[in-house]
Protein backbone atom coordinates (compact mmCIF):
# COMPACT_ATOMS: atom_id res chain seq x y z
CA UNK A 1 -34.75 -7.16 18.59
CA UNK A 2 -35.93 -8.52 14.83
CA UNK A 3 -34.78 -6.37 11.87
CA UNK A 4 -38.19 -6.69 10.55
CA UNK A 5 -40.01 -5.59 13.90
CA UNK A 6 -37.19 -2.50 14.53
CA UNK A 7 -38.01 -1.32 10.81
CA UNK A 8 -41.85 -1.64 11.39
CA UNK A 9 -41.91 -0.12 14.90
CA UNK A 10 -39.78 2.72 13.34
CA UNK A 11 -42.18 3.06 10.20
CA UNK A 12 -45.45 3.08 12.71
CA UNK A 13 -43.75 5.83 15.29
CA UNK A 14 -42.93 8.27 12.08
CA UNK A 15 -46.52 8.15 10.41
CA UNK A 16 -48.71 7.27 13.60
CA UNK A 17 -51.13 10.65 14.25
CA UNK A 18 -51.47 10.20 18.08
CA UNK A 19 -47.52 10.06 18.18
CA UNK A 20 -47.39 13.22 15.59
CA UNK A 21 -50.16 14.81 18.04
CA UNK A 22 -48.23 14.48 20.98
CA UNK A 23 -45.13 15.74 19.84
CA UNK A 24 -45.80 18.43 17.28
CA UNK A 25 -46.02 22.26 18.28
CA UNK A 26 -47.86 23.14 15.08
CA UNK A 27 -51.48 24.05 16.01
CA UNK A 28 -52.74 23.89 12.24
CA UNK A 29 -51.39 20.30 12.42
CA UNK A 30 -52.91 19.44 15.60
CA UNK A 31 -56.25 20.61 14.35
CA UNK A 32 -56.02 18.56 11.14
CA UNK A 33 -55.10 15.44 13.05
CA UNK A 34 -58.68 16.03 15.39
CA UNK A 35 -60.61 16.57 12.35
CA UNK A 36 -59.17 13.47 10.21
CA UNK A 37 -59.45 11.37 13.08
CA UNK A 38 -63.04 12.58 13.77
CA UNK A 39 -63.97 12.05 10.07
CA UNK A 40 -62.64 8.67 9.81
CA UNK A 41 -64.68 7.40 12.79
CA UNK A 42 -67.59 8.83 11.40
CA UNK A 43 -67.02 6.62 8.41
CA UNK A 44 -66.00 3.34 10.83
CA UNK A 45 -69.71 4.25 12.06
CA UNK A 46 -71.32 3.92 9.19
CA UNK A 47 -69.70 1.15 8.20
CA UNK A 48 -70.56 -0.73 10.93
CA UNK A 49 -74.05 0.42 11.03
CA UNK A 50 -74.63 -0.90 7.14
CA UNK A 51 -72.91 -4.21 8.27
CA UNK A 52 -75.37 -4.72 11.52
CA UNK A 53 -78.33 -3.84 9.75
CA UNK A 54 -77.28 -6.40 6.71
CA UNK A 55 -76.69 -8.88 9.70
CA UNK A 56 -80.20 -8.20 10.93
CA UNK A 57 -81.62 -8.48 7.36
CA UNK A 58 -80.32 -12.32 7.40
CA UNK A 59 -81.38 -12.64 11.04
CA UNK A 60 -84.66 -11.45 10.56
CA UNK A 61 -85.33 -14.38 7.59
CA UNK A 62 -83.96 -17.01 9.30
CA UNK A 63 -80.70 -17.09 7.49
CA UNK A 64 -78.24 -15.71 10.25
CA UNK A 65 -75.96 -18.73 10.03
CA UNK A 66 -74.67 -17.37 6.76
CA UNK A 67 -73.14 -14.44 8.63
CA UNK A 68 -69.43 -15.74 9.26
CA UNK A 69 -69.25 -16.60 5.57
CA UNK A 70 -70.69 -13.22 4.46
CA UNK A 71 -67.98 -11.51 7.03
CA UNK A 72 -65.09 -13.45 5.87
CA UNK A 73 -65.80 -12.83 2.10
CA UNK A 74 -66.33 -9.07 2.87
CA UNK A 75 -62.96 -8.87 4.34
CA UNK A 76 -61.32 -10.94 1.93
CA UNK A 77 -62.88 -9.00 -1.03
CA UNK A 78 -61.96 -5.55 0.47
CA UNK A 79 -58.53 -6.10 1.40
CA UNK A 80 -57.93 -7.82 -1.88
CA UNK A 81 -58.97 -4.56 -3.63
CA UNK A 82 -57.17 -2.17 -1.37
CA UNK A 83 -54.22 -3.98 -1.52
CA UNK A 84 -54.27 -4.39 -5.28
CA UNK A 85 -54.64 -0.28 -5.45
CA UNK A 86 -51.56 0.41 -2.78
CA UNK A 87 -49.17 -2.51 -3.81
CA UNK A 88 -47.43 0.03 -6.39
CA UNK A 89 -47.23 2.98 -3.59
CA UNK A 90 -46.75 0.90 -0.56
CA UNK A 91 -44.56 -2.29 -1.76
CA UNK A 92 -42.93 -1.14 -4.71
CA UNK A 93 -41.85 2.84 -6.22
CA UNK A 94 -42.30 4.08 -2.99
CA UNK A 95 -40.68 7.62 -1.70
CA UNK A 96 -38.10 6.14 1.01
CA UNK A 97 -36.43 3.09 -1.00
CA UNK A 98 -33.25 4.50 -1.39
CA UNK A 99 -32.89 5.07 2.13
CA UNK A 100 -34.30 1.68 3.75
CA UNK A 101 -32.19 -0.25 1.05
CA UNK A 102 -29.06 1.50 2.16
CA UNK A 103 -29.68 -0.11 5.84
CA UNK A 104 -28.36 -3.54 6.50
CA UNK A 105 -31.73 -5.30 5.89
CA UNK A 106 -32.22 -8.28 3.31
CA UNK A 107 -34.59 -6.76 0.58
CA UNK A 108 -37.25 -9.59 1.58
CA UNK A 109 -36.89 -8.11 4.97
CA UNK A 110 -38.04 -4.78 3.72
CA UNK A 111 -40.58 -5.94 1.52
CA UNK A 112 -42.21 -8.15 4.37
CA UNK A 113 -41.94 -5.15 6.71
CA UNK A 114 -43.73 -2.60 4.00
CA UNK A 115 -46.44 -5.23 3.59
CA UNK A 116 -46.65 -5.29 7.44
CA UNK A 117 -47.12 -1.59 7.48
CA UNK A 118 -49.82 -1.99 4.53
CA UNK A 119 -51.70 -4.54 6.62
CA UNK A 120 -51.74 -2.37 10.04
CA UNK A 121 -52.81 0.51 8.32
CA UNK A 122 -55.95 -1.17 6.79
CA UNK A 123 -56.58 -3.61 9.79
CA UNK A 124 -59.38 -0.93 11.68
CA UNK A 125 -61.53 -1.03 8.65
CA UNK A 126 -61.43 -5.16 8.78
CA UNK A 127 -61.89 -4.96 12.30
CA UNK A 128 -64.89 -2.49 12.13
CA UNK A 129 -66.61 -5.12 9.91
CA UNK A 130 -65.68 -8.10 11.74
CA UNK A 131 -66.92 -6.27 15.09
CA UNK A 132 -70.41 -5.46 13.46
CA UNK A 133 -71.02 -8.63 11.85
CA UNK A 134 -69.97 -10.21 15.25
CA UNK A 135 -72.55 -8.08 16.87
CA UNK A 136 -75.38 -8.81 14.52
CA UNK A 137 -74.82 -12.70 14.80
CA UNK A 138 -74.59 -12.45 18.61
CA UNK A 139 -77.99 -10.82 18.60
CA UNK A 140 -79.63 -13.60 16.62
CA UNK A 141 -77.65 -16.71 16.76
CA UNK A 142 -76.88 -16.24 20.56
CA UNK A 143 -73.71 -18.34 20.27
CA UNK A 144 -71.41 -19.36 23.28
CA UNK A 145 -69.13 -16.83 24.88
CA UNK A 146 -65.87 -18.47 23.55
CA UNK A 147 -67.23 -17.65 19.77
CA UNK A 148 -66.79 -13.83 20.67
CA UNK A 149 -62.73 -14.01 21.07
CA UNK A 150 -62.46 -16.62 18.53
CA UNK A 151 -64.40 -14.35 15.89
CA UNK A 152 -62.22 -11.48 16.93
CA UNK A 153 -58.85 -13.00 16.63
CA UNK A 154 -59.56 -15.16 13.54
CA UNK A 155 -60.57 -11.32 11.99
CA UNK A 156 -56.71 -10.54 12.36
CA UNK A 157 -56.07 -13.48 10.00
CA UNK A 158 -58.89 -12.89 7.29
CA UNK A 159 -57.14 -10.14 5.29
CA UNK A 160 -53.61 -12.05 5.30
CA UNK A 161 -54.20 -14.24 2.38
CA UNK A 162 -56.09 -12.26 0.27
CA UNK A 163 -53.60 -9.31 0.89
CA UNK A 164 -50.59 -11.56 0.05
CA UNK A 165 -52.67 -12.68 -3.32
CA UNK A 166 -53.39 -8.81 -4.15
CA UNK A 167 -49.49 -7.94 -3.35
CA UNK A 168 -48.25 -11.47 -5.81
CA UNK A 169 -50.19 -10.03 -8.43
CA UNK A 170 -48.89 -6.41 -7.67
CA UNK A 171 -45.69 -8.02 -8.20
CA UNK A 172 -45.98 -9.93 -11.26
CA UNK A 173 -47.66 -6.54 -13.02
CA UNK A 174 -44.52 -4.73 -11.78
CA UNK A 175 -42.11 -7.57 -12.78
CA UNK A 176 -43.99 -7.51 -16.34
CA UNK A 177 -43.93 -3.66 -16.76
CA UNK A 178 -40.18 -3.66 -15.44
CA UNK A 179 -38.89 -4.90 -18.58
CA UNK A 180 -40.47 -1.88 -20.74
CA UNK A 181 -38.80 1.27 -21.49
CA UNK A 182 -42.14 3.02 -20.07
CA UNK A 183 -42.70 0.90 -16.94
CA UNK A 184 -45.18 3.12 -15.08
CA UNK A 185 -47.63 3.05 -18.52
CA UNK A 186 -47.26 -0.38 -18.81
CA UNK A 187 -48.17 -0.70 -14.97
CA UNK A 188 -50.87 1.22 -14.98
CA UNK A 189 -52.40 -0.41 -18.39
CA UNK A 190 -52.34 -3.71 -16.45
CA UNK A 191 -53.68 -2.69 -13.45
CA UNK A 192 -56.43 -0.60 -15.34
CA UNK A 193 -56.90 -3.89 -17.20
CA UNK A 194 -57.60 -5.78 -14.28
CA UNK A 195 -60.09 -3.57 -12.32
CA UNK A 196 -62.00 -3.21 -15.52
CA UNK A 197 -62.32 -6.79 -15.33
CA UNK A 198 -63.38 -7.04 -11.51
CA UNK A 199 -66.10 -4.21 -12.42
CA UNK A 200 -67.27 -6.30 -15.23
CA UNK A 201 -67.25 -9.51 -13.05
CA UNK A 202 -69.76 -7.66 -10.44
CA UNK A 203 -72.10 -7.01 -12.96
CA UNK A 204 -72.02 -10.16 -13.92
CA UNK A 205 -72.66 -11.48 -10.32
CA UNK A 206 -75.57 -8.80 -9.68
CA UNK A 207 -77.29 -10.28 -12.83
CA UNK A 208 -78.24 -13.14 -10.26
CA UNK A 209 -80.16 -10.88 -8.28
CA UNK A 210 -83.25 -10.71 -10.61
CA UNK A 211 -86.08 -11.29 -8.23
CA UNK A 212 -87.30 -8.30 -6.46
CA UNK A 213 -88.46 -9.71 -3.05
CA UNK A 214 -86.08 -9.37 -0.32
CA UNK A 215 -86.23 -12.94 1.12
CA UNK A 216 -85.52 -14.50 -2.21
CA UNK A 217 -82.92 -12.09 -2.60
CA UNK A 218 -81.25 -12.91 0.86
CA UNK A 219 -81.65 -16.50 0.17
CA UNK A 220 -79.85 -16.23 -3.14
CA UNK A 221 -76.81 -14.28 -1.62
CA UNK A 222 -77.05 -17.28 1.20
CA UNK A 223 -76.37 -19.74 -1.50
CA UNK A 224 -73.72 -17.71 -3.46
CA UNK A 225 -71.51 -17.02 -0.30
CA UNK A 226 -71.88 -20.73 0.71
CA UNK A 227 -70.73 -21.97 -2.74
CA UNK A 228 -68.06 -19.53 -2.79
CA UNK A 229 -66.79 -20.71 0.67
CA UNK A 230 -66.56 -24.27 -0.80
CA UNK A 231 -64.02 -22.68 -3.33
CA UNK A 232 -62.65 -20.33 -1.40
CA UNK A 233 -61.09 -22.52 1.67
CA UNK A 234 -60.40 -19.49 3.95
CA UNK A 235 -63.79 -18.52 4.02
CA UNK A 236 -64.95 -22.28 5.07
CA UNK A 237 -62.34 -22.46 8.20
CA UNK A 238 -63.44 -19.21 9.06
CA UNK A 239 -66.64 -20.32 9.64
CA UNK A 240 -66.17 -23.62 10.67
CA UNK A 241 -64.14 -21.95 13.32
CA UNK A 242 -66.72 -19.70 14.83
CA UNK A 243 -69.73 -21.92 14.31
CA UNK A 244 -68.32 -25.23 15.61
CA UNK A 245 -65.16 -24.19 17.32
CA UNK A 246 -63.22 -26.39 14.77
CA UNK A 247 -59.87 -26.20 16.17
CA UNK A 248 -58.14 -27.66 12.91
CA UNK A 249 -59.84 -24.81 10.78
CA UNK A 250 -58.35 -22.56 13.05
CA UNK A 251 -54.61 -23.88 12.71
CA UNK A 252 -55.51 -24.11 9.23
CA UNK A 253 -56.26 -20.38 8.83
CA UNK A 254 -53.20 -19.72 10.78
CA UNK A 255 -50.70 -21.91 9.28
CA UNK A 256 -51.72 -21.49 5.78
CA UNK A 257 -51.60 -17.51 6.16
CA UNK A 258 -47.69 -18.07 7.81
CA UNK A 259 -46.55 -20.50 5.04
CA UNK A 260 -48.03 -18.13 2.09
CA UNK A 261 -46.24 -14.82 3.82
CA UNK A 262 -42.97 -16.65 3.75
CA UNK A 263 -43.38 -18.34 0.30
CA UNK A 264 -44.44 -14.93 -1.17
CA UNK A 265 -41.88 -12.93 -0.16
CA UNK A 266 -38.99 -15.10 -0.56
CA UNK A 267 -40.33 -15.03 -4.16
CA UNK A 268 -40.59 -11.12 -3.93
CA UNK A 269 -37.33 -10.67 -2.36
CA UNK A 270 -35.44 -11.98 -5.09
CA UNK A 271 -36.28 -9.39 -7.92
CA UNK A 272 -37.01 -6.62 -5.13
CA UNK A 273 -34.34 -4.58 -6.41
CA UNK A 274 -34.71 -4.92 -9.85
CA UNK A 275 -38.07 -3.89 -10.06
CA UNK A 276 -37.78 -0.72 -8.24
CA UNK A 277 -34.62 0.28 -9.77
CA UNK A 278 -36.66 -0.28 -13.13
CA UNK A 279 -39.71 1.64 -11.64
CA UNK A 280 -37.33 4.65 -10.75
CA UNK A 281 -35.67 4.95 -13.30
CA UNK A 282 -36.51 6.70 -16.74
CA UNK A 283 -35.27 5.55 -20.31
CA UNK A 284 -33.37 7.96 -22.58
CA UNK A 285 -34.34 8.65 -25.81
CA UNK A 286 -32.01 7.25 -28.39
CA UNK A 287 -33.29 10.00 -31.24
CA UNK A 288 -32.40 13.03 -28.95
CA UNK A 289 -31.95 16.17 -31.19
CA UNK A 290 -30.95 19.74 -29.72
CA UNK A 291 -34.16 21.88 -30.75
CA UNK A 292 -34.78 25.55 -29.87
CA UNK A 293 -36.57 25.64 -26.76
CA UNK A 294 -40.14 26.57 -26.78
CA UNK A 295 -41.61 29.38 -24.30
CA UNK A 296 -44.91 28.73 -22.99
CA UNK A 297 -47.23 30.31 -20.62
CA UNK A 298 -46.63 29.86 -16.86
CA UNK A 299 -50.35 28.41 -16.65
CA UNK A 300 -49.71 25.98 -19.59
CA UNK A 301 -46.12 25.05 -18.52
CA UNK A 302 -47.43 24.25 -14.98
CA UNK A 303 -50.35 21.82 -16.88
CA UNK A 304 -47.62 20.12 -18.83
CA UNK A 305 -45.48 19.31 -15.36
CA UNK A 306 -48.71 18.04 -13.93
CA UNK A 307 -49.04 15.84 -17.10
CA UNK A 308 -45.55 14.38 -16.49
CA UNK A 309 -46.56 13.99 -12.65
CA UNK A 310 -49.51 12.19 -13.79
CA UNK A 311 -48.11 10.19 -16.45
CA UNK A 312 -45.22 9.08 -13.88
CA UNK A 313 -47.21 7.29 -11.33
CA UNK A 314 -49.08 4.50 -11.53
CA UNK A 315 -51.60 5.38 -8.69
CA UNK A 316 -51.79 8.82 -9.58
CA UNK A 317 -52.88 7.61 -13.11
CA UNK A 318 -55.26 4.84 -11.90
CA UNK A 319 -56.85 6.87 -9.23
CA UNK A 320 -57.23 9.89 -11.39
CA UNK A 321 -57.89 8.40 -14.76
CA UNK A 322 -60.21 5.43 -13.97
CA UNK A 323 -63.33 7.64 -13.79
CA UNK A 324 -62.57 8.81 -17.31
CA UNK A 325 -62.28 5.48 -18.93
CA UNK A 326 -65.18 4.21 -17.23
CA UNK A 327 -67.18 6.97 -18.80
CA UNK A 328 -65.73 6.31 -22.24
CA UNK A 329 -66.69 2.33 -21.85
CA UNK A 330 -70.27 3.56 -20.76
CA UNK A 331 -70.52 5.28 -23.62
CA UNK A 332 -69.46 3.01 -26.21
CA UNK A 333 -71.12 0.22 -24.37
CA UNK A 334 -74.64 2.26 -24.55
CA UNK A 335 -73.95 2.94 -28.23
CA UNK A 336 -73.35 -0.60 -29.37
CA UNK A 337 -75.97 -2.24 -27.02
CA UNK A 338 -78.53 0.39 -26.94
CA UNK A 339 -79.80 2.27 -23.95
CA UNK A 340 -82.95 0.54 -23.51
CA UNK A 341 -81.31 -2.96 -22.70
CA UNK A 342 -79.28 -1.43 -20.04
CA UNK A 343 -81.69 0.54 -18.47
CA UNK A 344 -83.94 -2.86 -18.30
CA UNK A 345 -80.73 -4.76 -17.08
CA UNK A 346 -79.90 -1.81 -14.22
CA UNK A 347 -83.56 -0.99 -13.06
CA UNK A 348 -84.19 -5.22 -13.01
CA UNK A 349 -87.24 -4.50 -15.15
CA UNK A 350 -88.59 -1.21 -14.11
CA UNK A 351 -90.82 0.82 -16.40
CA UNK A 352 -88.33 3.30 -17.54
CA UNK A 353 -87.01 4.19 -20.95
CA UNK A 354 -83.88 6.09 -22.30
CA UNK A 355 -86.52 9.17 -22.99
CA UNK A 356 -87.32 9.62 -19.43
CA UNK A 357 -83.71 9.48 -18.64
CA UNK A 358 -82.44 12.12 -21.06
CA UNK A 359 -82.01 14.98 -18.70
CA UNK A 360 -79.80 12.87 -16.35
CA UNK A 361 -77.54 12.24 -18.88
CA UNK A 362 -75.11 14.82 -18.05
CA UNK A 363 -75.34 13.81 -14.43
CA UNK A 364 -74.45 10.22 -15.35
CA UNK A 365 -71.62 11.08 -17.44
CA UNK A 366 -70.51 13.51 -14.42
CA UNK A 367 -70.61 10.33 -11.82
CA UNK A 368 -67.95 8.80 -13.69
CA UNK A 369 -65.85 12.23 -14.68
CA UNK A 370 -66.09 13.98 -11.46
CA UNK A 371 -65.54 10.84 -9.34
CA UNK A 372 -62.07 12.24 -8.54
CA UNK A 373 -60.73 15.45 -9.24
CA UNK A 374 -56.66 15.57 -9.86
CA UNK A 375 -56.75 19.18 -8.19
CA UNK A 376 -58.10 17.53 -4.79
CA UNK A 377 -54.38 15.82 -4.31
CA UNK A 378 -52.10 17.80 -6.94
CA UNK A 379 -51.20 20.54 -4.13
CA UNK A 380 -50.58 17.83 -1.66
CA UNK A 381 -48.38 16.06 -4.01
CA UNK A 382 -45.76 18.74 -3.91
CA UNK A 383 -44.58 17.44 -0.68
CA UNK A 384 -41.32 18.12 0.71
CA UNK A 385 -40.40 19.84 -2.43
CA UNK A 386 -43.07 22.36 -1.74
CA UNK A 387 -40.17 24.99 -1.23
CA UNK A 388 -39.07 24.82 -4.95
CA UNK A 389 -42.45 26.10 -5.54
CA UNK A 390 -42.50 28.78 -3.12
CA UNK A 391 -39.29 30.13 -4.57
CA UNK A 392 -40.62 30.22 -8.00
CA UNK A 393 -41.07 33.76 -9.66
CA UNK A 394 -44.67 32.83 -10.14
CA UNK A 395 -47.89 33.90 -8.16
CA UNK A 396 -49.64 31.25 -6.20
CA UNK A 397 -52.90 31.60 -8.18
CA UNK A 398 -50.77 30.56 -11.42
CA UNK A 399 -49.67 27.48 -9.96
CA UNK A 400 -53.65 26.32 -8.94
CA UNK A 401 -54.40 27.78 -12.50
CA UNK A 402 -52.06 25.27 -14.37
CA UNK A 403 -53.23 22.44 -12.11
CA UNK A 404 -57.10 23.25 -12.68
CA UNK A 405 -56.34 23.71 -16.35
CA UNK A 406 -54.58 20.01 -16.76
CA UNK A 407 -57.81 18.59 -14.77
CA UNK A 408 -60.16 20.26 -17.02
CA UNK A 409 -57.80 19.12 -20.56
CA UNK A 410 -57.86 15.67 -18.70
CA UNK A 411 -61.61 15.48 -18.06
CA UNK A 412 -63.56 17.29 -20.87
CA UNK A 413 -62.53 15.21 -23.87
CA UNK A 414 -63.74 12.02 -22.00
CA UNK A 415 -66.99 14.20 -20.91
CA UNK A 416 -67.70 15.26 -24.47
CA UNK A 417 -67.00 11.69 -25.68
CA UNK A 418 -69.28 10.24 -23.42
CA UNK A 419 -72.39 12.73 -23.59
CA UNK A 420 -72.21 12.71 -27.58
CA UNK A 421 -72.52 8.49 -27.39
CA UNK A 422 -75.07 8.34 -24.63
CA UNK A 423 -77.19 11.40 -26.79
CA UNK A 424 -76.42 9.25 -30.07
CA UNK A 425 -77.96 6.67 -28.42
CA UNK A 426 -80.86 7.87 -26.82
CA UNK A 427 -81.89 9.47 -29.99
CA UNK A 428 -81.52 13.09 -27.98
CA UNK A 429 -82.21 15.91 -30.85
CA UNK A 430 -79.40 18.40 -31.63
CA UNK A 431 -80.44 21.52 -29.37
CA UNK A 432 -80.95 19.25 -26.47
CA UNK A 433 -77.20 17.60 -27.15
CA UNK A 434 -75.44 21.03 -27.34
CA UNK A 435 -77.36 22.11 -23.79
CA UNK A 436 -76.07 18.84 -22.34
CA UNK A 437 -72.41 19.29 -23.57
CA UNK A 438 -72.59 23.03 -21.95
CA UNK A 439 -73.87 21.56 -19.00
CA UNK A 440 -71.25 18.84 -18.62
CA UNK A 441 -68.46 22.19 -19.40
CA UNK A 442 -70.10 23.46 -16.61
CA UNK A 443 -69.92 20.19 -14.27
CA UNK A 444 -66.22 19.61 -15.07
CA UNK A 445 -65.26 23.43 -14.42
CA UNK A 446 -67.12 22.62 -11.10
CA UNK A 447 -65.03 19.65 -10.28
CA UNK A 448 -61.99 21.29 -11.12
CA UNK A 449 -62.52 24.37 -8.60
CA UNK A 450 -64.19 22.47 -5.88
CA UNK A 451 -61.47 19.92 -5.99
CA UNK A 452 -58.89 22.58 -5.88
CA UNK A 453 -60.51 24.19 -2.95
CA UNK A 454 -60.22 20.67 -0.93
CA UNK A 455 -56.81 20.21 -1.98
CA UNK A 456 -55.65 23.41 -0.60
CA UNK A 457 -57.84 23.72 2.15
CA UNK A 458 -56.55 20.02 3.34
CA UNK A 459 -53.12 20.16 1.97
CA UNK A 460 -50.87 17.56 3.59
CA UNK A 461 -46.93 17.55 2.61
CA UNK A 462 -45.47 15.47 5.17
CA UNK A 463 -46.51 12.47 3.71
CA UNK A 464 -43.97 9.93 3.37
CA UNK A 465 -46.14 7.62 0.41
CA UNK A 466 -48.04 9.08 -2.14
CA UNK A 467 -51.11 6.58 -1.52
CA UNK A 468 -51.40 8.66 1.35
CA UNK A 469 -52.48 11.67 -0.53
CA UNK A 470 -53.85 10.19 -3.67
CA UNK A 471 -56.22 7.64 -1.98
CA UNK A 472 -56.51 8.20 2.07
CA UNK A 473 -56.27 11.95 2.32
CA UNK A 474 -58.79 14.29 3.82
CA UNK A 475 -58.80 16.15 0.70
CA UNK A 476 -60.08 13.26 -1.50
CA UNK A 477 -62.61 11.98 0.75
CA UNK A 478 -64.10 15.48 1.57
CA UNK A 479 -64.56 16.06 -2.28
CA UNK A 480 -65.42 12.65 -3.19
CA UNK A 481 -67.95 11.27 -0.90
CA UNK A 482 -70.64 14.44 -0.95
CA UNK A 483 -69.85 15.03 -4.66
CA UNK A 484 -70.83 11.39 -5.28
CA UNK A 485 -74.43 11.44 -2.93
CA UNK A 486 -75.24 15.01 -4.32
CA UNK A 487 -74.75 13.58 -7.85
CA UNK A 488 -76.85 10.67 -7.37
CA UNK A 489 -79.39 12.99 -5.76
CA UNK A 490 -79.16 15.22 -8.77
CA UNK A 491 -79.78 12.57 -11.49
CA UNK A 492 -83.48 11.52 -9.75
CA UNK A 493 -84.08 15.07 -9.44
CA UNK A 494 -83.55 15.57 -13.35
CA UNK A 495 -85.47 12.36 -14.47
CA UNK A 496 -88.38 13.78 -11.98
CA UNK A 497 -88.28 17.40 -12.99
CA UNK A 498 -87.87 16.18 -16.70
CA UNK A 499 -91.59 14.67 -16.82
CA UNK A 500 -93.02 18.36 -15.81
CA UNK A 501 -90.34 20.66 -17.65
CA UNK A 502 -88.95 21.35 -20.86
CA UNK A 503 -85.76 19.26 -21.05
CA UNK A 504 -84.12 22.78 -22.53
CA UNK A 505 -85.02 24.94 -20.16
CA UNK A 506 -84.35 22.37 -17.52
CA UNK A 507 -80.58 22.01 -18.69
CA UNK A 508 -80.10 25.76 -19.15
CA UNK A 509 -81.22 25.97 -15.24
CA UNK A 510 -78.63 23.34 -13.94
CA UNK A 511 -76.11 25.00 -16.38
CA UNK A 512 -76.49 27.85 -14.86
CA UNK A 513 -76.51 26.81 -10.85
CA UNK A 514 -73.36 24.71 -11.89
CA UNK A 515 -71.48 27.78 -13.44
CA UNK A 516 -72.27 29.59 -10.55
CA UNK A 517 -71.04 27.01 -8.30
CA UNK A 518 -68.14 26.64 -10.19
CA UNK A 519 -67.35 30.46 -10.19
CA UNK A 520 -68.00 30.50 -6.57
CA UNK A 521 -65.10 27.88 -6.10
CA UNK A 522 -62.93 29.54 -8.43
CA UNK A 523 -63.34 32.87 -6.71
CA UNK A 524 -62.58 30.64 -3.30
CA UNK A 525 -59.16 29.29 -4.70
CA UNK A 526 -58.07 32.41 -5.72
CA UNK A 527 -58.43 33.64 -2.00
CA UNK A 528 -56.98 30.74 -0.67
CA UNK A 529 -53.99 30.90 -2.75
CA UNK A 530 -53.15 34.17 -1.19
CA UNK A 531 -53.17 32.60 1.94
CA UNK A 532 -50.95 29.26 1.56
């Protein structure tokens, strides 16, 4: 058997949830696998329902022919973004690097195998999009039966090219950062810069959708997808293959994917060992001096330990720090441009001014600050070293207090800065600004404590890659999804109530509610710390 297939099979067998469920005797682990599977299936259902509804909108206005291109572009964009975020944890700086590189495999074989593993892990998401859009396309276009298998088979190839592009971009970022002493910091800065560029590009594209009519918006979207397909050839090949059954287009999509895979990993394989060695090594300080050892409180010491863990992982820093950076940028942009111009662009000319949105300022900031709490994944990041934590002469509650202290130290300065910028730009009175800062503090405390509850309740220590904990764990999903929807609802509620109530009284009521929820969550953490 091919070396790459042997290695890929071993990785899949060791991490496959169904395989673990069949052989484990731990009832908690079995229940956790069942719960995670049910949750993921619900997310698949939501994605499929959204895609089918989108295709039905196109079909209702007679533009169903744009669905194949839209399907190809959606899958390509998602696969590019997902791969860019996962490259550092899956392809580079992964946990089992030393073990894999000691096996008799070439570096490019290991890199290619890790890429295929990443592809197979994300494939169900792409297939759910492809299948749902095929259903919507089939309802209105009524294509030949041959289109159905062609669509599904080619959907397996659609993510490959954008994933290769994202992997190569991640390789370039890792290659550049490997030449610096602080490799993880440089790699994080480069990744965040590219992500922020993508966010800015998103708002530039959204500026096209100025017309409020649904049909006009869909026509604009259809025209944009057609123009994009002429530039991004894989989308055009997919569209020609499923609408015209064009055999050369099918062969081009398959052939180019295979050639690019070979070329990319031939290039990556040459520097693979060097990059991973640089990412895993730590430069020694030349100006080291022996000084007296400082004594800190255990909670503060654990917070500093979490800080070193945070700055030592690119995936952790990007995932845990992106919201804070976005909040600071929103505050600076609002202060420079003015809130009314931003509101006009976001609401597309709706009769809304900055005075109406004043009560929602703390929730707008919290939408970014509370995007992901580090406490949701930090308990699981202890991984197989958890026994060391258990052997320390400290109580479990001290450990979790230190992790919560770090999250508060990370979020509160950015919250205060963004809130002050928005309040100054919107000309909020001083007393209201003080109450908004107090509400923001209560929201940060709730985010920290509730994230820690999720992290302890859904702790996963048997992970092989930190990406599985930072981005794909049940704890992060359970914290993030309800939190985002609730915050959006509270933002609307604050605006509506702000038209009928005094803003200071409203902020005080929200502060008391957030503080109560934070206290209840903190109490729950203390109870769970005795059981873990």
